[in-house]
Amino acid sequence: MSTTVTDEQIQALAATAKPYSLALLHWGPERTMDGAGAIELEHQRRMVSLRADGVIAILCPVVSDTVAGVAVMTVPAGEAAEIMAADPCVRAGMMRCEVHPCHGFPGDAIPG
């Protein structure tokens, strides 16, 4: 760490925190089922649409045999869980999703 951060800076940042939801998608037992490619394409279309609508703030597919992706969602955890339960891959058993409430800070972004 090269940047020195004061207690006051930490407190000031913490005061700006806003609630979000973190959706963690894990690969499920039906990942390679017949028709998986078409179902996953619909999942991708839906996730990108949710991103375009502002429901997903950050969308991160993960290259892993166990984790499929991570999404920071702008809705409360209960609503995020309902949205993700309707996902085509989740419904098909190709993925399972866990949702956790979290906080983020205005202005945080993935570098472009």
Protein backbone atom coordinates (compact mmCIF):
# COMPACT_ATOMS: atom_id res chain seq x y z
CA MET A 1 0.00 0.00 0.00
CA SER A 2 1.41 3.33 -0.98
CA THR A 3 -1.52 5.64 -0.25
CA THR A 4 -1.97 6.79 3.32
CA VAL A 5 -5.61 6.95 4.38
CA THR A 6 -6.72 8.75 7.53
CA ASP A 7 -9.47 7.70 9.91
CA GLU A 8 -11.40 10.78 8.81
CA GLN A 9 -11.19 9.74 5.16
CA ILE A 10 -12.50 6.28 6.04
CA GLN A 11 -15.38 7.76 8.01
CA ALA A 12 -16.23 10.22 5.24
CA LEU A 13 -16.28 7.43 2.65
CA ALA A 14 -18.34 5.15 4.88
CA ALA A 15 -20.93 7.91 5.24
CA THR A 16 -21.52 7.83 1.47
CA ALA A 17 -22.18 4.07 1.28
CA LYS A 18 -25.32 3.03 -0.57
CA PRO A 19 -27.10 -0.34 -0.37
CA TYR A 20 -26.79 -2.83 -3.21
CA SER A 21 -27.14 -6.57 -3.63
CA LEU A 22 -24.42 -8.98 -4.66
CA ALA A 23 -25.57 -11.93 -6.77
CA LEU A 24 -23.15 -14.85 -6.93
CA LEU A 25 -23.88 -17.37 -9.65
CA HIS A 26 -22.44 -20.86 -9.27
CA TRP A 27 -22.48 -23.58 -11.89
CA GLY A 28 -25.09 -26.23 -11.14
CA PRO A 29 -25.43 -29.91 -11.89
CA GLU A 30 -27.24 -29.35 -15.19
CA ARG A 31 -24.53 -27.11 -16.66
CA THR A 32 -23.99 -29.39 -19.66
CA MET A 33 -27.57 -30.57 -20.16
CA ASP A 34 -29.02 -30.93 -23.65
CA GLY A 35 -29.87 -27.46 -24.94
CA ALA A 36 -27.54 -25.74 -22.46
CA GLY A 37 -26.09 -23.42 -25.10
CA ALA A 38 -29.45 -21.93 -26.01
CA ILE A 39 -30.46 -21.57 -22.36
CA GLU A 40 -27.17 -19.86 -21.52
CA LEU A 41 -27.62 -17.45 -24.43
CA GLU A 42 -31.03 -16.47 -23.02
CA HIS A 43 -29.41 -16.03 -19.60
CA GLN A 44 -26.79 -13.75 -21.15
CA ARG A 45 -29.43 -11.76 -23.03
CA ARG A 46 -31.41 -11.32 -19.81
CA MET A 47 -28.38 -10.27 -17.75
CA VAL A 48 -27.29 -7.72 -20.37
CA SER A 49 -30.87 -6.41 -20.51
CA LEU A 50 -30.94 -6.03 -16.71
CA ARG A 51 -27.64 -4.17 -16.98
CA ALA A 52 -29.04 -1.88 -19.68
CA ASP A 53 -32.10 -1.22 -17.49
CA GLY A 54 -29.89 -0.25 -14.53
CA VAL A 55 -30.90 -3.22 -12.37
CA ILE A 56 -27.35 -4.58 -12.64
CA ALA A 57 -24.66 -1.96 -12.03
CA ILE A 58 -21.68 -4.24 -12.57
CA LEU A 59 -21.76 -7.54 -14.44
CA CYS A 60 -18.77 -9.88 -14.23
CA PRO A 61 -18.77 -13.28 -15.89
CA VAL A 62 -16.22 -15.50 -14.15
CA VAL A 63 -13.91 -17.99 -15.84
CA SER A 64 -14.16 -20.90 -13.42
CA ASP A 65 -15.39 -24.46 -13.17
CA THR A 66 -17.44 -23.54 -10.11
CA VAL A 67 -18.38 -19.84 -10.25
CA ALA A 68 -20.32 -18.58 -13.26
CA GLY A 69 -20.50 -14.88 -12.49
CA VAL A 70 -21.01 -11.98 -10.13
CA ALA A 71 -23.45 -9.10 -10.42
CA VAL A 72 -23.79 -5.99 -8.29
CA MET A 73 -27.49 -5.21 -8.38
CA THR A 74 -29.17 -1.89 -7.58
CA VAL A 75 -32.26 -3.44 -5.99
CA PRO A 76 -32.78 -4.80 -2.45
CA ALA A 77 -31.65 -8.36 -1.79
CA GLY A 78 -35.17 -9.80 -1.72
CA GLU A 79 -36.00 -8.33 -5.10
CA ALA A 80 -32.62 -9.38 -6.49
CA ALA A 81 -33.28 -12.94 -5.32
CA GLU A 82 -36.65 -12.95 -7.08
CA ILE A 83 -35.12 -11.60 -10.28
CA MET A 84 -32.36 -14.18 -10.23
CA ALA A 85 -34.74 -17.04 -9.40
CA ALA A 86 -36.43 -16.33 -12.75
CA ASP A 87 -33.14 -16.58 -14.66
CA PRO A 88 -33.25 -19.24 -17.40
CA CYS A 89 -30.05 -20.95 -16.23
CA VAL A 90 -31.17 -20.94 -12.60
CA ARG A 91 -34.59 -22.35 -13.51
CA ALA A 92 -32.93 -25.07 -15.61
CA GLY A 93 -30.55 -26.08 -12.81
CA MET A 94 -27.52 -25.00 -14.83
CA MET A 95 -26.70 -22.36 -12.21
CA ARG A 96 -27.63 -21.61 -8.66
CA CYS A 97 -27.64 -18.12 -7.24
CA GLU A 98 -27.03 -16.70 -3.81
CA VAL A 99 -27.80 -13.06 -3.09
CA HIS A 100 -26.27 -10.98 -0.30
CA PRO A 101 -26.96 -7.40 0.74
CA CYS A 102 -23.87 -5.23 0.38
CA HIS A 103 -22.80 -1.60 0.23
CA GLY A 104 -20.92 0.36 -2.37
CA PHE A 105 -19.57 3.84 -2.75
CA PRO A 106 -20.75 6.38 -5.33
CA GLY A 107 -18.23 6.72 -8.12
CA ASP A 108 -16.74 3.25 -7.76
CA ALA A 109 -16.34 1.71 -11.20
CA ILE A 110 -14.40 -0.86 -13.14
CA PRO A 111 -11.58 0.93 -14.97
CA GLY A 112 -12.28 1.25 -18.66
